[in-house]
Protein backbone atom coordinates (compact mmCIF):
# COMPACT_ATOMS: atom_id res chain seq x y z
CA MET A 1 12.46 -29.48 23.98
CA ARG A 2 10.53 -27.36 21.53
CA LYS A 3 13.49 -24.28 21.22
CA ILE A 4 15.73 -26.99 19.73
CA MET A 5 13.05 -28.52 18.27
CA VAL A 6 13.67 -25.05 16.38
CA LEU A 7 16.87 -23.93 16.45
CA SER A 8 16.94 -27.00 14.13
CA LEU A 9 14.97 -26.47 12.20
CA PHE A 10 16.30 -23.44 11.37
CA ALA A 11 19.96 -24.48 12.08
CA SER A 12 19.34 -26.54 8.41
CA LEU A 13 16.73 -24.58 6.67
CA THR A 14 19.90 -22.46 6.51
CA ALA A 15 22.85 -25.13 6.08
CA SER A 16 20.77 -25.51 2.51
CA LEU A 17 20.01 -22.75 1.26
CA SER A 18 23.89 -21.48 1.97
CA PHE A 19 23.81 -25.88 0.18
CA ALA A 20 21.45 -24.19 -2.73
CA ASP A 21 23.80 -21.24 -3.76
CA VAL A 22 26.64 -22.76 -3.93
CA ILE A 23 24.99 -25.54 -6.40
CA GLU A 24 23.74 -22.55 -8.61
CA HIS A 25 26.15 -20.29 -9.12
CA PRO A 26 29.53 -22.56 -9.10
CA ARG A 27 31.98 -20.41 -9.77
CA ASN A 28 35.77 -20.80 -11.02
CA LEU A 29 38.70 -19.33 -9.72
CA GLN A 30 39.05 -17.51 -12.20
CA GLU A 31 35.57 -15.56 -12.12
CA GLU A 32 36.21 -14.73 -8.80
CA ALA A 33 39.57 -13.30 -9.29
CA ARG A 34 37.68 -11.87 -12.46
CA ILE A 35 35.11 -10.26 -10.08
CA GLN A 36 37.15 -8.78 -8.05
CA GLN A 37 39.50 -6.77 -10.25
CA LYS A 38 36.14 -5.14 -11.49
CA ALA A 39 35.44 -3.98 -7.83
CA GLN A 40 38.35 -2.99 -6.85
CA LYS A 41 39.13 -1.21 -10.41
CA ARG A 42 35.50 0.60 -9.11
CA TRP A 43 36.33 1.28 -6.23
CA ILE A 44 39.33 3.59 -7.80
CA TRP A 45 37.58 5.33 -9.95
CA SER A 46 35.11 5.81 -6.57
CA ALA A 47 38.85 7.10 -5.37
CA VAL A 48 39.25 9.61 -7.84
CA ALA A 49 35.64 10.47 -8.15
CA LEU A 50 36.07 11.45 -3.82
CA THR A 51 39.47 13.22 -4.36
CA ALA A 52 38.33 15.37 -7.08
CA ALA A 53 34.93 16.12 -5.58
CA SER A 54 37.87 17.02 -2.15
CA PHE A 55 39.98 19.32 -4.41
CA ALA A 56 36.27 20.96 -5.63
CA ASP A 57 35.02 22.12 -2.87
CA VAL A 58 38.47 23.47 -2.07
CA GLN A 59 38.09 25.19 -4.80
CA SER A 60 34.55 27.05 -4.30
CA SER A 61 35.57 27.97 -0.64
CA TRP A 62 38.53 29.16 -0.42
CA GLY A 63 39.03 32.69 0.05
CA LYS A 64 35.11 33.10 1.19
CA MET A 65 34.22 32.96 4.80
CA GLU A 66 34.51 30.29 6.73
CA SER A 67 31.17 28.76 9.11
CA ASN A 68 33.81 25.76 10.58
CA PRO A 69 36.22 27.26 13.70
CA MET A 70 38.37 24.60 12.59
CA LEU A 71 38.65 25.87 9.14
CA ARG A 72 39.21 29.36 9.76
CA SER A 73 41.68 31.56 8.88
CA SER A 74 43.25 34.41 11.41
CA ASN A 75 40.72 36.79 8.89
CA GLY A 76 37.40 34.21 9.32
CA THR A 77 38.16 32.84 5.73
CA PHE A 78 38.96 29.78 3.41
CA GLY A 79 42.41 29.28 3.17
CA ALA A 80 45.15 27.15 3.17
CA LYS A 81 44.35 25.71 6.58
CA GLY A 82 41.22 24.71 5.96
CA MET A 83 41.99 23.39 2.07
CA GLY A 84 44.82 21.19 4.39
CA ILE A 85 42.82 19.75 7.29
CA LYS A 86 40.20 18.57 4.49
CA LEU A 87 42.85 17.52 2.19
CA GLY A 88 43.92 15.64 5.07
CA ILE A 89 41.03 13.47 6.39
CA VAL A 90 40.28 12.89 2.63
CA GLY A 91 43.75 11.61 2.07
CA GLY A 92 43.32 9.25 5.47
CA ILE A 93 39.99 8.01 4.78
CA LEU A 94 41.66 7.20 0.91
CA ALA A 95 45.04 5.48 2.98
CA SER A 96 43.09 3.38 5.36
CA GLN A 97 40.19 2.40 2.44
CA THR A 98 44.09 0.97 1.08
CA ILE A 99 45.33 -1.08 3.21
CA LEU A 100 42.09 -2.65 3.65
CA VAL A 101 41.19 -3.03 0.78
CA ASN A 102 44.37 -4.65 0.19
CA ARG A 103 44.60 -6.60 2.47
CA ALA A 104 40.27 -8.20 2.15
CA PRO A 105 39.78 -7.44 -1.21
CA ALA A 106 36.05 -7.92 -0.28
CA PHE A 107 35.61 -4.23 1.03
CA ALA A 108 36.45 -3.22 -2.06
CA LYS A 109 32.41 -2.93 -3.35
CA PRO A 110 31.31 -1.18 0.08
CA LEU A 111 34.07 0.94 0.13
CA THR A 112 33.40 2.18 -3.17
CA TYR A 113 29.35 2.70 -2.35
CA ALA A 114 31.15 5.32 0.84
CA ASN A 115 33.18 7.29 -1.78
CA PHE A 116 31.04 7.85 -4.28
CA GLY A 117 28.08 8.62 -1.04
CA LEU A 118 30.68 11.17 -0.22
CA THR A 119 31.44 12.63 -3.53
CA ALA A 120 27.64 12.63 -3.89
CA VAL A 121 28.18 15.04 -0.62
CA LYS A 122 31.03 16.94 -1.17
CA VAL A 123 30.01 18.20 -5.14
CA GLY A 124 26.65 19.29 -3.13
CA ILE A 125 28.34 21.42 -0.90
CA ALA A 126 30.89 22.35 -3.51
CA VAL A 127 27.65 23.34 -5.71
CA ARG A 128 26.34 25.17 -2.58
CA ASN A 129 30.00 26.84 -2.09
CA SER A 130 29.97 28.74 -5.64
CA SER A 131 26.87 30.77 -4.82
CA ILE A 132 28.14 32.17 -2.05
CA GLU A 133 29.81 35.86 -3.16
CA LYS A 134 33.76 36.47 -1.96
CA PRO A 135 33.94 39.10 1.03
CA LYS A 136 34.28 43.06 -0.29
CA TYR A 137 37.24 44.01 1.68
CA LEU A 138 38.75 40.63 0.25
CA LEU A 139 38.41 42.05 -3.03
CA ARG A 140 40.83 44.21 -5.24
CA GLU A 141 39.40 46.80 -7.24
CA GLN A 142 40.53 47.08 -10.14
């Protein structure tokens, strides 16, 4: 009996809180649509930032020794193989996000945060890679 009373009290409090939220913040459909459009625009900008950070990561790694065997070329450096894999992963992420955001626009906001987080990681990696020198045997003598 006690469990039923506690559960009914919890349910009534939850219902009253959610109803109070609706009463305190009334929105019309146009405002909701405008909010969704802004969220989708922010998501698009986060996708653009992620793409740019990926290209910066690739550019900063190009021709340098690669520690990841999956991205390593036959001579041990980062090249076209690594670029294809890295950009393919980012392309797959953004393609799946596009499908998800088109089907459920509410996911635009959390995916925006995820994209900006990945962008920060990729920029950090690009900065680290820029401090690594290319192997001397690959440099052209002038």
